[in-house]
Amino acid sequence: MEEIALRFALDTGIQPLIANDIGFAVREATANAVIHGNRENATKEVYLTLERRPGILELRVRDEGGGFDMTGLTDPRASDNLLKQTGRGIFLIRHFMDEVQFRNTEPGTEVRLVKYLRGPAARA
């Protein structure tokens, strides 16, 4: 899914470094969907939706899991979490994207990722 998102971003004329950021965010969202959402259940799917509208790219990653509780997130920058090998995905997704929203879809969770287009990519 990362490669699909990367190609989609590049095809809009977005700068390669920003396209890589989008690809990274989709990779992290997909990993969360597989591991935490679907609990690595091979019978459950993960879906990627890509959309370009005037001035924005919108990507959605949705799983078929049991939902997601945002209150359980910890800050990966907290001293107790600095040496942990997990728990940074959502923090990094938020860093690389302009908007990140989570929605319970019964079943599952959908994460909406938005990148605002600037410069020539916004006008194309």
PDB file of N, CA and C in Angstrom:
ATOM      1  N   MET A   1       0.817  -1.198   0.000  1.00  0.00           N
ATOM      2  CA  MET A   1       0.000   0.000   0.000  1.00  0.00           C
ATOM      3  C   MET A   1       0.859   1.260   0.000  1.00  0.00           C
ATOM      4  N   GLU A   2       2.014   1.158   0.625  1.00  0.00           N
ATOM      5  CA  GLU A   2       2.925   2.306   0.646  1.00  0.00           C
ATOM      6  C   GLU A   2       3.312   2.708  -0.769  1.00  0.00           C
ATOM      7  N   GLU A   3       3.637   1.721  -1.589  1.00  0.00           N
ATOM      8  CA  GLU A   3       4.060   2.001  -2.970  1.00  0.00           C
ATOM      9  C   GLU A   3       2.919   2.626  -3.773  1.00  0.00           C
ATOM     10  N   ILE A   4       1.708   2.163  -3.564  1.00  0.00           N
ATOM     11  CA  ILE A   4       0.543   2.726  -4.259  1.00  0.00           C
ATOM     12  C   ILE A   4       0.361   4.186  -3.856  1.00  0.00           C
ATOM     13  N   ALA A   5       0.453   4.473  -2.565  1.00  0.00           N
ATOM     14  CA  ALA A   5       0.298   5.845  -2.073  1.00  0.00           C
ATOM     15  C   ALA A   5       1.424   6.740  -2.587  1.00  0.00           C
ATOM     16  N   LEU A   6       2.633   6.218  -2.603  1.00  0.00           N
ATOM     17  CA  LEU A   6       3.780   6.982  -3.098  1.00  0.00           C
ATOM     18  C   LEU A   6       3.590   7.337  -4.575  1.00  0.00           C
ATOM     19  N   ARG A   7       3.206   6.366  -5.386  1.00  0.00           N
ATOM     20  CA  ARG A   7       2.985   6.604  -6.821  1.00  0.00           C
ATOM     21  C   ARG A   7       1.849   7.607  -7.020  1.00  0.00           C
ATOM     22  N   PHE A   8       0.773   7.457  -6.259  1.00  0.00           N
ATOM     23  CA  PHE A   8      -0.361   8.378  -6.332  1.00  0.00           C
ATOM     24  C   PHE A   8       0.096   9.806  -6.045  1.00  0.00           C
ATOM     25  N   ALA A   9       0.879   9.980  -4.982  1.00  0.00           N
ATOM     26  CA  ALA A   9       1.366  11.316  -4.612  1.00  0.00           C
ATOM     27  C   ALA A   9       2.282  11.881  -5.691  1.00  0.00           C
ATOM     28  N   LEU A  10       3.194  11.077  -6.187  1.00  0.00           N
ATOM     29  CA  LEU A  10       4.111  11.547  -7.232  1.00  0.00           C
ATOM     30  C   LEU A  10       3.366  11.916  -8.507  1.00  0.00           C
ATOM     31  N   ASP A  11       2.328  11.163  -8.833  1.00  0.00           N
ATOM     32  CA  ASP A  11       1.548  11.445 -10.047  1.00  0.00           C
ATOM     33  C   ASP A  11       0.800  12.767  -9.964  1.00  0.00           C
ATOM     34  N   THR A  12       0.612  13.295  -8.772  1.00  0.00           N
ATOM     35  CA  THR A  12      -0.055  14.598  -8.632  1.00  0.00           C
ATOM     36  C   THR A  12       0.924  15.749  -8.820  1.00  0.00           C
ATOM     37  N   GLY A  13       2.221  15.436  -8.911  1.00  0.00           N
ATOM     38  CA  GLY A  13       3.223  16.479  -9.068  1.00  0.00           C
ATOM     39  C   GLY A  13       3.815  16.953  -7.748  1.00  0.00           C
ATOM     40  N   ILE A  14       3.497  16.271  -6.691  1.00  0.00           N
ATOM     41  CA  ILE A  14       4.023  16.652  -5.381  1.00  0.00           C
ATOM     42  C   ILE A  14       5.524  16.362  -5.330  1.00  0.00           C
ATOM     43  N   GLN A  15       6.258  17.103  -4.539  1.00  0.00           N
ATOM     44  CA  GLN A  15       7.705  16.912  -4.430  1.00  0.00           C
ATOM     45  C   GLN A  15       8.017  15.510  -3.893  1.00  0.00           C
ATOM     46  N   PRO A  16       9.082  14.876  -4.405  1.00  0.00           N
ATOM     47  CA  PRO A  16       9.409  13.512  -3.980  1.00  0.00           C
ATOM     48  C   PRO A  16       9.586  13.342  -2.471  1.00  0.00           C
ATOM     49  N   LEU A  17      10.193  14.308  -1.790  1.00  0.00           N
ATOM     50  CA  LEU A  17      10.366  14.166  -0.340  1.00  0.00           C
ATOM     51  C   LEU A  17       9.024  14.157   0.385  1.00  0.00           C
ATOM     52  N   ILE A  18       8.094  14.970  -0.066  1.00  0.00           N
ATOM     53  CA  ILE A  18       6.767  14.993   0.546  1.00  0.00           C
ATOM     54  C   ILE A  18       6.014  13.721   0.188  1.00  0.00           C
ATOM     55  N   ALA A  19       6.176  13.236  -1.038  1.00  0.00           N
ATOM     56  CA  ALA A  19       5.553  11.974  -1.429  1.00  0.00           C
ATOM     57  C   ALA A  19       6.064  10.831  -0.554  1.00  0.00           C
ATOM     58  N   ASN A  20       7.352  10.848  -0.235  1.00  0.00           N
ATOM     59  CA  ASN A  20       7.912   9.829   0.662  1.00  0.00           C
ATOM     60  C   ASN A  20       7.283   9.918   2.048  1.00  0.00           C
ATOM     61  N   ASP A  21       7.038  11.132   2.528  1.00  0.00           N
ATOM     62  CA  ASP A  21       6.370  11.306   3.822  1.00  0.00           C
ATOM     63  C   ASP A  21       4.986  10.675   3.802  1.00  0.00           C
ATOM     64  N   ILE A  22       4.262  10.886   2.700  1.00  0.00           N
ATOM     65  CA  ILE A  22       2.922  10.318   2.565  1.00  0.00           C
ATOM     66  C   ILE A  22       3.012   8.792   2.536  1.00  0.00           C
ATOM     67  N   GLY A  23       3.956   8.268   1.778  1.00  0.00           N
ATOM     68  CA  GLY A  23       4.151   6.816   1.733  1.00  0.00           C
ATOM     69  C   GLY A  23       4.457   6.245   3.104  1.00  0.00           C
ATOM     70  N   PHE A  24       5.308   6.937   3.855  1.00  0.00           N
ATOM     71  CA  PHE A  24       5.651   6.488   5.209  1.00  0.00           C
ATOM     72  C   PHE A  24       4.414   6.471   6.097  1.00  0.00           C
ATOM     73  N   ALA A  25       3.610   7.528   6.028  1.00  0.00           N
ATOM     74  CA  ALA A  25       2.397   7.608   6.851  1.00  0.00           C
ATOM     75  C   ALA A  25       1.438   6.470   6.516  1.00  0.00           C
ATOM     76  N   VAL A  26       1.286   6.164   5.239  1.00  0.00           N
ATOM     77  CA  VAL A  26       0.417   5.061   4.837  1.00  0.00           C
ATOM     78  C   VAL A  26       0.991   3.730   5.312  1.00  0.00           C
ATOM     79  N   ARG A  27       2.297   3.556   5.233  1.00  0.00           N
ATOM     80  CA  ARG A  27       2.927   2.315   5.735  1.00  0.00           C
ATOM     81  C   ARG A  27       2.626   2.131   7.211  1.00  0.00           C
ATOM     82  N   GLU A  28       2.780   3.193   7.994  1.00  0.00           N
ATOM     83  CA  GLU A  28       2.512   3.101   9.437  1.00  0.00           C
ATOM     84  C   GLU A  28       1.039   2.830   9.718  1.00  0.00           C
ATOM     85  N   ALA A  29       0.155   3.517   8.990  1.00  0.00           N
ATOM     86  CA  ALA A  29      -1.287   3.306   9.190  1.00  0.00           C
ATOM     87  C   ALA A  29      -1.680   1.879   8.802  1.00  0.00           C
ATOM     88  N   THR A  30      -1.075   1.368   7.729  1.00  0.00           N
ATOM     89  CA  THR A  30      -1.358  -0.001   7.299  1.00  0.00           C
ATOM     90  C   THR A  30      -0.841  -1.005   8.323  1.00  0.00           C
ATOM     91  N   ALA A  31       0.355  -0.791   8.828  1.00  0.00           N
ATOM     92  CA  ALA A  31       0.900  -1.683   9.858  1.00  0.00           C
ATOM     93  C   ALA A  31      -0.003  -1.688  11.088  1.00  0.00           C
ATOM     94  N   ASN A  32      -0.466  -0.512  11.505  1.00  0.00           N
ATOM     95  CA  ASN A  32      -1.375  -0.448  12.650  1.00  0.00           C
ATOM     96  C   ASN A  32      -2.672  -1.200  12.358  1.00  0.00           C
ATOM     97  N   ALA A  33      -3.176  -1.072  11.127  1.00  0.00           N
ATOM     98  CA  ALA A  33      -4.416  -1.751  10.756  1.00  0.00           C
ATOM     99  C   ALA A  33      -4.248  -3.270  10.812  1.00  0.00           C
ATOM    100  N   VAL A  34      -3.146  -3.769  10.309  1.00  0.00           N
ATOM    101  CA  VAL A  34      -2.897  -5.208  10.296  1.00  0.00           C
ATOM    102  C   VAL A  34      -2.636  -5.736  11.705  1.00  0.00           C
ATOM    103  N   ILE A  35      -1.736  -5.068  12.431  1.00  0.00           N
ATOM    104  CA  ILE A  35      -1.291  -5.583  13.731  1.00  0.00           C
ATOM    105  C   ILE A  35      -2.298  -5.298  14.837  1.00  0.00           C
ATOM    106  N   HIS A  36      -2.693  -4.050  14.973  1.00  0.00           N
ATOM    107  CA  HIS A  36      -3.545  -3.662  16.097  1.00  0.00           C
ATOM    108  C   HIS A  36      -5.029  -3.763  15.764  1.00  0.00           C
ATOM    109  N   GLY A  37      -5.398  -3.385  14.539  1.00  0.00           N
ATOM    110  CA  GLY A  37      -6.804  -3.432  14.149  1.00  0.00           C
ATOM    111  C   GLY A  37      -7.276  -4.855  13.913  1.00  0.00           C
ATOM    112  N   ASN A  38      -6.698  -5.494  12.913  1.00  0.00           N
ATOM    113  CA  ASN A  38      -7.111  -6.848  12.542  1.00  0.00           C
ATOM    114  C   ASN A  38      -6.451  -7.931  13.384  1.00  0.00           C
ATOM    115  N   ARG A  39      -5.556  -7.537  14.248  1.00  0.00           N
ATOM    116  CA  ARG A  39      -4.840  -8.472  15.125  1.00  0.00           C
ATOM    117  C   ARG A  39      -4.200  -9.622  14.335  1.00  0.00           C
ATOM    118  N   GLU A  40      -3.656  -9.261  13.165  1.00  0.00           N
ATOM    119  CA  GLU A  40      -2.952 -10.180  12.275  1.00  0.00           C
ATOM    120  C   GLU A  40      -3.805 -11.367  11.840  1.00  0.00           C
ATOM    121  N   ASN A  41      -5.107 -11.160  11.818  1.00  0.00           N
ATOM    122  CA  ASN A  41      -6.035 -12.177  11.356  1.00  0.00           C
ATOM    123  C   ASN A  41      -6.048 -12.149   9.825  1.00  0.00           C
ATOM    124  N   ALA A  42      -5.562 -13.201   9.204  1.00  0.00           N
ATOM    125  CA  ALA A  42      -5.415 -13.249   7.746  1.00  0.00           C
ATOM    126  C   ALA A  42      -6.748 -13.243   7.012  1.00  0.00           C
ATOM    127  N   THR A  43      -7.851 -13.475   7.697  1.00  0.00           N
ATOM    128  CA  THR A  43      -9.157 -13.458   7.034  1.00  0.00           C
ATOM    129  C   THR A  43      -9.742 -12.047   6.984  1.00  0.00           C
ATOM    130  N   LYS A  44      -9.113 -11.098   7.653  1.00  0.00           N
ATOM    131  CA  LYS A  44      -9.602  -9.715   7.654  1.00  0.00           C
ATOM    132  C   LYS A  44      -8.803  -8.879   6.668  1.00  0.00           C
ATOM    133  N   GLU A  45      -9.467  -7.903   6.077  1.00  0.00           N
ATOM    134  CA  GLU A  45      -8.870  -7.066   5.040  1.00  0.00           C
ATOM    135  C   GLU A  45      -8.459  -5.701   5.586  1.00  0.00           C
ATOM    136  N   VAL A  46      -7.557  -5.052   4.843  1.00  0.00           N
ATOM    137  CA  VAL A  46      -7.204  -3.650   5.047  1.00  0.00           C
ATOM    138  C   VAL A  46      -7.442  -2.965   3.712  1.00  0.00           C
ATOM    139  N   TYR A  47      -8.112  -1.820   3.750  1.00  0.00           N
ATOM    140  CA  TYR A  47      -8.499  -1.107   2.535  1.00  0.00           C
ATOM    141  C   TYR A  47      -7.790   0.241   2.463  1.00  0.00           C
ATOM    142  N   LEU A  48      -7.406   0.624   1.265  1.00  0.00           N
ATOM    143  CA  LEU A  48      -6.785   1.921   1.021  1.00  0.00           C
ATOM    144  C   LEU A  48      -7.619   2.659  -0.016  1.00  0.00           C
ATOM    145  N   THR A  49      -8.010   3.877   0.305  1.00  0.00           N
ATOM    146  CA  THR A  49      -8.740   4.732  -0.621  1.00  0.00           C
ATOM    147  C   THR A  49      -7.911   5.978  -0.866  1.00  0.00           C
ATOM    148  N   LEU A  50      -7.756   6.362  -2.123  1.00  0.00           N
ATOM    149  CA  LEU A  50      -6.966   7.521  -2.518  1.00  0.00           C
ATOM    150  C   LEU A  50      -7.873   8.501  -3.247  1.00  0.00           C
ATOM    151  N   GLU A  51      -7.760   9.776  -2.887  1.00  0.00           N
ATOM    152  CA  GLU A  51      -8.587  10.774  -3.554  1.00  0.00           C
ATOM    153  C   GLU A  51      -7.820  12.081  -3.648  1.00  0.00           C
ATOM    154  N   ARG A  52      -7.935  12.695  -4.815  1.00  0.00           N
ATOM    155  CA  ARG A  52      -7.365  14.022  -5.006  1.00  0.00           C
ATOM    156  C   ARG A  52      -8.510  14.988  -5.240  1.00  0.00           C
ATOM    157  N   ARG A  53      -8.535  16.036  -4.451  1.00  0.00           N
ATOM    158  CA  ARG A  53      -9.521  17.098  -4.625  1.00  0.00           C
ATOM    159  C   ARG A  53      -8.748  18.402  -4.727  1.00  0.00           C
ATOM    160  N   PRO A  54      -9.393  19.477  -5.138  1.00  0.00           N
ATOM    161  CA  PRO A  54      -8.666  20.744  -5.271  1.00  0.00           C
ATOM    162  C   PRO A  54      -7.910  21.098  -3.982  1.00  0.00           C
ATOM    163  N   GLY A  55      -6.597  21.145  -4.103  1.00  0.00           N
ATOM    164  CA  GLY A  55      -5.756  21.569  -2.988  1.00  0.00           C
ATOM    165  C   GLY A  55      -5.401  20.519  -1.959  1.00  0.00           C
ATOM    166  N   ILE A  56      -5.926  19.283  -2.087  1.00  0.00           N
ATOM    167  CA  ILE A  56      -5.579  18.264  -1.090  1.00  0.00           C
ATOM    168  C   ILE A  56      -5.483  16.872  -1.703  1.00  0.00           C
ATOM    169  N   LEU A  57      -4.689  16.052  -1.031  1.00  0.00           N
ATOM    170  CA  LEU A  57      -4.697  14.610  -1.236  1.00  0.00           C
ATOM    171  C   LEU A  57      -5.305  14.014   0.022  1.00  0.00           C
ATOM    172  N   GLU A  58      -6.231  13.097  -0.157  1.00  0.00           N
ATOM    173  CA  GLU A  58      -6.860  12.429   0.975  1.00  0.00           C
ATOM    174  C   GLU A  58      -6.686  10.935   0.804  1.00  0.00           C
ATOM    175  N   LEU A  59      -6.144  10.302   1.831  1.00  0.00           N
ATOM    176  CA  LEU A  59      -5.929   8.860   1.813  1.00  0.00           C
ATOM    177  C   LEU A  59      -6.621   8.288   3.048  1.00  0.00           C
ATOM    178  N   ARG A  60      -7.262   7.152   2.876  1.00  0.00           N
ATOM    179  CA  ARG A  60      -7.947   6.502   3.990  1.00  0.00           C
ATOM    180  C   ARG A  60      -7.481   5.057   4.085  1.00  0.00           C
ATOM    181  N   VAL A  61      -7.143   4.641   5.292  1.00  0.00           N
ATOM    182  CA  VAL A  61      -6.771   3.258   5.565  1.00  0.00           C
ATOM    183  C   VAL A  61      -7.798   2.722   6.554  1.00  0.00           C
ATOM    184  N   ARG A  62      -8.443   1.611   6.194  1.00  0.00           N
ATOM    185  CA  ARG A  62      -9.499   1.055   7.042  1.00  0.00           C
ATOM    186  C   ARG A  62      -9.249  -0.424   7.275  1.00  0.00           C
ATOM    187  N   ASP A  63      -9.458  -0.848   8.522  1.00  0.00           N
ATOM    188  CA  ASP A  63      -9.331  -2.263   8.862  1.00  0.00           C
ATOM    189  C   ASP A  63     -10.698  -2.822   9.229  1.00  0.00           C
ATOM    190  N   GLU A  64     -10.744  -4.109   9.524  1.00  0.00           N
ATOM    191  CA  GLU A  64     -11.979  -4.790   9.900  1.00  0.00           C
ATOM    192  C   GLU A  64     -11.922  -5.281  11.344  1.00  0.00           C
ATOM    193  N   GLY A  65     -11.111  -4.613  12.153  1.00  0.00           N
ATOM    194  CA  GLY A  65     -10.899  -5.048  13.529  1.00  0.00           C
ATOM    195  C   GLY A  65     -11.980  -4.584  14.492  1.00  0.00           C
ATOM    196  N   GLY A  66     -11.628  -4.611  15.773  1.00  0.00           N
ATOM    197  CA  GLY A  66     -12.579  -4.321  16.833  1.00  0.00           C
ATOM    198  C   GLY A  66     -12.689  -2.870  17.224  1.00  0.00           C
ATOM    199  N   GLY A  67     -12.064  -1.970  16.497  1.00  0.00           N
ATOM    200  CA  GLY A  67     -12.128  -0.551  16.836  1.00  0.00           C
ATOM    201  C   GLY A  67     -10.856  -0.081  17.513  1.00  0.00           C
ATOM    202  N   PHE A  68     -10.797   1.201  17.781  1.00  0.00           N
ATOM    203  CA  PHE A  68      -9.565   1.808  18.286  1.00  0.00           C
ATOM    204  C   PHE A  68      -9.912   2.839  19.346  1.00  0.00           C
ATOM    205  N   ASP A  69      -9.227   2.775  20.472  1.00  0.00           N
ATOM    206  CA  ASP A  69      -9.457   3.704  21.576  1.00  0.00           C
ATOM    207  C   ASP A  69      -8.272   4.661  21.684  1.00  0.00           C
ATOM    208  N   MET A  70      -8.489   5.921  21.324  1.00  0.00           N
ATOM    209  CA  MET A  70      -7.422   6.927  21.336  1.00  0.00           C
ATOM    210  C   MET A  70      -6.938   7.245  22.749  1.00  0.00           C
ATOM    211  N   THR A  71      -7.749   6.979  23.765  1.00  0.00           N
ATOM    212  CA  THR A  71      -7.357   7.339  25.132  1.00  0.00           C
ATOM    213  C   THR A  71      -6.196   6.491  25.644  1.00  0.00           C
ATOM    214  N   GLY A  72      -5.924   5.370  25.002  1.00  0.00           N
ATOM    215  CA  GLY A  72      -4.849   4.501  25.451  1.00  0.00           C
ATOM    216  C   GLY A  72      -3.481   4.859  24.895  1.00  0.00           C
ATOM    217  N   LEU A  73      -3.401   5.891  24.065  1.00  0.00           N
ATOM    218  CA  LEU A  73      -2.117   6.264  23.473  1.00  0.00           C
ATOM    219  C   LEU A  73      -1.213   6.938  24.485  1.00  0.00           C
ATOM    220  N   THR A  74       0.060   6.624  24.394  1.00  0.00           N
ATOM    221  CA  THR A  74       1.056   7.280  25.235  1.00  0.00           C
ATOM    222  C   THR A  74       1.945   8.157  24.365  1.00  0.00           C
ATOM    223  N   ASP A  75       2.596   9.112  24.980  1.00  0.00           N
ATOM    224  CA  ASP A  75       3.494  10.016  24.259  1.00  0.00           C
ATOM    225  C   ASP A  75       4.852   9.330  24.117  1.00  0.00           C
ATOM    226  N   PRO A  76       5.298   9.051  22.879  1.00  0.00           N
ATOM    227  CA  PRO A  76       6.578   8.367  22.702  1.00  0.00           C
ATOM    228  C   PRO A  76       7.769   9.208  23.144  1.00  0.00           C
ATOM    229  N   ARG A  77       7.535  10.514  23.378  1.00  0.00           N
ATOM    230  CA  ARG A  77       8.624  11.386  23.832  1.00  0.00           C
ATOM    231  C   ARG A  77       8.780  11.380  25.346  1.00  0.00           C
ATOM    232  N   ALA A  78       7.831  10.777  26.055  1.00  0.00           N
ATOM    233  CA  ALA A  78       7.912  10.699  27.521  1.00  0.00           C
ATOM    234  C   ALA A  78       9.105   9.838  27.915  1.00  0.00           C
ATOM    235  N   SER A  79       9.754  10.194  28.995  1.00  0.00           N
ATOM    236  CA  SER A  79      10.979   9.494  29.404  1.00  0.00           C
ATOM    237  C   SER A  79      10.758   7.991  29.583  1.00  0.00           C
ATOM    238  N   ASP A  80       9.599   7.577  30.044  1.00  0.00           N
ATOM    239  CA  ASP A  80       9.320   6.147  30.218  1.00  0.00           C
ATOM    240  C   ASP A  80       9.199   5.403  28.895  1.00  0.00           C
ATOM    241  N   ASN A  81       8.975   6.132  27.814  1.00  0.00           N
ATOM    242  CA  ASN A  81       8.728   5.496  26.521  1.00  0.00           C
ATOM    243  C   ASN A  81       9.885   5.608  25.537  1.00  0.00           C
ATOM    244  N   LEU A  82      10.917   6.340  25.888  1.00  0.00           N
ATOM    245  CA  LEU A  82      11.992   6.621  24.929  1.00  0.00           C
ATOM    246  C   LEU A  82      12.701   5.370  24.415  1.00  0.00           C
ATOM    247  N   LEU A  83      12.844   4.367  25.240  1.00  0.00           N
ATOM    248  CA  LEU A  83      13.570   3.172  24.827  1.00  0.00           C
ATOM    249  C   LEU A  83      12.669   2.062  24.302  1.00  0.00           C
ATOM    250  N   LYS A  84      11.363   2.287  24.298  1.00  0.00           N
ATOM    251  CA  LYS A  84      10.445   1.286  23.763  1.00  0.00           C
ATOM    252  C   LYS A  84      10.597   1.203  22.249  1.00  0.00           C
ATOM    253  N   GLN A  85      10.447  -0.004  21.727  1.00  0.00           N
ATOM    254  CA  GLN A  85      10.621  -0.210  20.290  1.00  0.00           C
ATOM    255  C   GLN A  85       9.331  -0.017  19.512  1.00  0.00           C
ATOM    256  N   THR A  86       8.223   0.213  20.190  1.00  0.00           N
ATOM    257  CA  THR A  86       6.944   0.426  19.520  1.00  0.00           C
ATOM    258  C   THR A  86       6.279   1.673  20.103  1.00  0.00           C
ATOM    259  N   GLY A  87       5.181   2.085  19.486  1.00  0.00           N
ATOM    260  CA  GLY A  87       4.395   3.179  20.043  1.00  0.00           C
ATOM    261  C   GLY A  87       4.643   4.539  19.419  1.00  0.00           C
ATOM    262  N   ARG A  88       5.339   4.585  18.280  1.00  0.00           N
ATOM    263  CA  ARG A  88       5.636   5.867  17.644  1.00  0.00           C
ATOM    264  C   ARG A  88       4.857   6.107  16.354  1.00  0.00           C
ATOM    265  N   GLY A  89       4.150   5.102  15.874  1.00  0.00           N
ATOM    266  CA  GLY A  89       3.508   5.174  14.569  1.00  0.00           C
ATOM    267  C   GLY A  89       2.555   6.339  14.413  1.00  0.00           C
ATOM    268  N   ILE A  90       1.604   6.480  15.316  1.00  0.00           N
ATOM    269  CA  ILE A  90       0.617   7.553  15.192  1.00  0.00           C
ATOM    270  C   ILE A  90       1.282   8.912  15.367  1.00  0.00           C
ATOM    271  N   PHE A  91       2.238   9.001  16.269  1.00  0.00           N
ATOM    272  CA  PHE A  91       2.991  10.244  16.442  1.00  0.00           C
ATOM    273  C   PHE A  91       3.651  10.641  15.122  1.00  0.00           C
ATOM    274  N   LEU A  92       4.288   9.700  14.445  1.00  0.00           N
ATOM    275  CA  LEU A  92       4.966   9.988  13.179  1.00  0.00           C
ATOM    276  C   LEU A  92       3.977  10.291  12.062  1.00  0.00           C
ATOM    277  N   ILE A  93       2.859   9.566  12.021  1.00  0.00           N
ATOM    278  CA  ILE A  93       1.827   9.849  11.019  1.00  0.00           C
ATOM    279  C   ILE A  93       1.377  11.294  11.160  1.00  0.00           C
ATOM    280  N   ARG A  94       1.115  11.716  12.380  1.00  0.00           N
ATOM    281  CA  ARG A  94       0.673  13.099  12.613  1.00  0.00           C
ATOM    282  C   ARG A  94       1.742  14.110  12.214  1.00  0.00           C
ATOM    283  N   HIS A  95       2.999  13.735  12.374  1.00  0.00           N
ATOM    284  CA  HIS A  95       4.100  14.631  11.998  1.00  0.00           C
ATOM    285  C   HIS A  95       4.163  14.822  10.482  1.00  0.00           C
ATOM    286  N   PHE A  96       3.955  13.757   9.726  1.00  0.00           N
ATOM    287  CA  PHE A  96       4.127  13.804   8.277  1.00  0.00           C
ATOM    288  C   PHE A  96       2.903  14.299   7.517  1.00  0.00           C
ATOM    289  N   MET A  97       1.724  14.219   8.120  1.00  0.00           N
ATOM    290  CA  MET A  97       0.497  14.614   7.425  1.00  0.00           C
ATOM    291  C   MET A  97      -0.036  15.921   8.007  1.00  0.00           C
ATOM    292  N   ASP A  98      -0.853  16.627   7.223  1.00  0.00           N
ATOM    293  CA  ASP A  98      -1.435  17.895   7.673  1.00  0.00           C
ATOM    294  C   ASP A  98      -2.670  17.679   8.538  1.00  0.00           C
ATOM    295  N   GLU A  99      -3.412  16.624   8.281  1.00  0.00           N
ATOM    296  CA  GLU A  99      -4.581  16.260   9.089  1.00  0.00           C
ATOM    297  C   GLU A  99      -4.589  14.755   9.260  1.00  0.00           C
ATOM    298  N   VAL A 100      -4.946  14.310  10.457  1.00  0.00           N
ATOM    299  CA  VAL A 100      -5.113  12.883  10.736  1.00  0.00           C
ATOM    300  C   VAL A 100      -6.355  12.738  11.607  1.00  0.00           C
ATOM    301  N   GLN A 101      -7.274  11.914  11.150  1.00  0.00           N
ATOM    302  CA  GLN A 101      -8.509  11.685  11.905  1.00  0.00           C
ATOM    303  C   GLN A 101      -8.785  10.195  11.973  1.00  0.00           C
ATOM    304  N   PHE A 102      -9.304   9.772  13.117  1.00  0.00           N
ATOM    305  CA  PHE A 102      -9.670   8.370  13.324  1.00  0.00           C
ATOM    306  C   PHE A 102     -11.178   8.276  13.474  1.00  0.00           C
ATOM    307  N   ARG A 103     -11.748   7.228  12.891  1.00  0.00           N
ATOM    308  CA  ARG A 103     -13.193   7.030  12.974  1.00  0.00           C
ATOM    309  C   ARG A 103     -13.473   5.543  13.127  1.00  0.00           C
ATOM    310  N   ASN A 104     -14.279   5.200  14.139  1.00  0.00           N
ATOM    311  CA  ASN A 104     -14.717   3.813  14.292  1.00  0.00           C
ATOM    312  C   ASN A 104     -15.755   3.528  13.223  1.00  0.00           C
ATOM    313  N   THR A 105     -15.603   2.387  12.543  1.00  0.00           N
ATOM    314  CA  THR A 105     -16.479   2.065  11.423  1.00  0.00           C
ATOM    315  C   THR A 105     -17.377   0.864  11.691  1.00  0.00           C
ATOM    316  N   GLU A 106     -17.268   0.229  12.811  1.00  0.00           N
ATOM    317  CA  GLU A 106     -18.152  -0.884  13.198  1.00  0.00           C
ATOM    318  C   GLU A 106     -18.352  -1.909  12.107  1.00  0.00           C
ATOM    319  N   PRO A 107     -17.546  -2.844  11.814  1.00  0.00           N
ATOM    320  CA  PRO A 107     -16.331  -3.114  12.564  1.00  0.00           C
ATOM    321  C   PRO A 107     -15.170  -2.296  12.008  1.00  0.00           C
ATOM    322  N   GLY A 108     -14.171  -2.171  12.813  1.00  0.00           N
ATOM    323  CA  GLY A 108     -12.925  -1.586  12.358  1.00  0.00           C
ATOM    324  C   GLY A 108     -12.752  -0.116  12.652  1.00  0.00           C
ATOM    325  N   THR A 109     -11.649   0.375  12.140  1.00  0.00           N
ATOM    326  CA  THR A 109     -11.260   1.774  12.287  1.00  0.00           C
ATOM    327  C   THR A 109     -10.781   2.271  10.937  1.00  0.00           C
ATOM    328  N   GLU A 110     -11.102   3.523  10.668  1.00  0.00           N
ATOM    329  CA  GLU A 110     -10.603   4.178   9.464  1.00  0.00           C
ATOM    330  C   GLU A 110      -9.765   5.368   9.897  1.00  0.00           C
ATOM    331  N   VAL A 111      -8.577   5.480   9.321  1.00  0.00           N
ATOM    332  CA  VAL A 111      -7.750   6.657   9.556  1.00  0.00           C
ATOM    333  C   VAL A 111      -7.741   7.462   8.265  1.00  0.00           C
ATOM    334  N   ARG A 112      -8.042   8.733   8.410  1.00  0.00           N
ATOM    335  CA  ARG A 112      -8.081   9.664   7.266  1.00  0.00           C
ATOM    336  C   ARG A 112      -6.822  10.511   7.326  1.00  0.00           C
ATOM    337  N   LEU A 113      -6.049  10.483   6.254  1.00  0.00           N
ATOM    338  CA  LEU A 113      -4.783  11.205   6.157  1.00  0.00           C
ATOM    339  C   LEU A 113      -4.930  12.269   5.073  1.00  0.00           C
ATOM    340  N   VAL A 114      -4.612  13.506   5.402  1.00  0.00           N
ATOM    341  CA  VAL A 114      -4.735  14.603   4.446  1.00  0.00           C
ATOM    342  C   VAL A 114      -3.398  15.322   4.324  1.00  0.00           C
ATOM    343  N   LYS A 115      -3.038  15.609   3.077  1.00  0.00           N
ATOM    344  CA  LYS A 115      -1.865  16.436   2.792  1.00  0.00           C
ATOM    345  C   LYS A 115      -2.339  17.582   1.907  1.00  0.00           C
ATOM    346  N   TYR A 116      -2.094  18.812   2.347  1.00  0.00           N
ATOM    347  CA  TYR A 116      -2.454  19.973   1.545  1.00  0.00           C
ATOM    348  C   TYR A 116      -1.455  20.139   0.415  1.00  0.00           C
ATOM    349  N   LEU A 117      -1.958  20.399  -0.762  1.00  0.00           N
ATOM    350  CA  LEU A 117      -1.104  20.604  -1.925  1.00  0.00           C
ATOM    351  C   LEU A 117      -0.715  22.062  -2.014  1.00  0.00           C
ATOM    352  N   ARG A 118       0.544  22.294  -2.326  1.00  0.00           N
ATOM    353  CA  ARG A 118       1.064  23.648  -2.450  1.00  0.00           C
ATOM    354  C   ARG A 118       1.834  23.741  -3.763  1.00  0.00           C
ATOM    355  N   GLY A 119       2.015  24.947  -4.231  1.00  0.00           N
ATOM    356  CA  GLY A 119       2.820  25.167  -5.428  1.00  0.00           C
ATOM    357  C   GLY A 119       2.180  24.554  -6.658  1.00  0.00           C
ATOM    358  N   PRO A 120       3.000  24.072  -7.604  1.00  0.00           N
ATOM    359  CA  PRO A 120       2.477  23.539  -8.870  1.00  0.00           C
ATOM    360  C   PRO A 120       1.520  22.361  -8.673  1.00  0.00           C
ATOM    361  N   ALA A 121       1.744  21.537  -7.663  1.00  0.00           N
ATOM    362  CA  ALA A 121       0.872  20.364  -7.434  1.00  0.00           C
ATOM    363  C   ALA A 121      -0.550  20.809  -7.112  1.00  0.00           C
ATOM    364  N   ALA A 122      -0.717  21.948  -6.455  1.00  0.00           N
ATOM    365  CA  ALA A 122      -2.050  22.439  -6.089  1.00  0.00           C
ATOM    366  C   ALA A 122      -2.805  22.911  -7.329  1.00  0.00           C
ATOM    367  N   ARG A 123      -2.079  23.361  -8.335  1.00  0.00           N
ATOM    368  CA  ARG A 123      -2.713  23.918  -9.534  1.00  0.00           C
ATOM    369  C   ARG A 123      -2.924  22.875 -10.620  1.00  0.00           C
ATOM    370  N   ALA A 124      -2.265  21.736 -10.502  1.00  0.00           N
ATOM    371  CA  ALA A 124      -2.354  20.716 -11.562  1.00  0.00           C
ATOM    372  C   ALA A 124      -3.702  20.034 -11.563  1.00  0.00           C
TER     373      ALA A 124
END
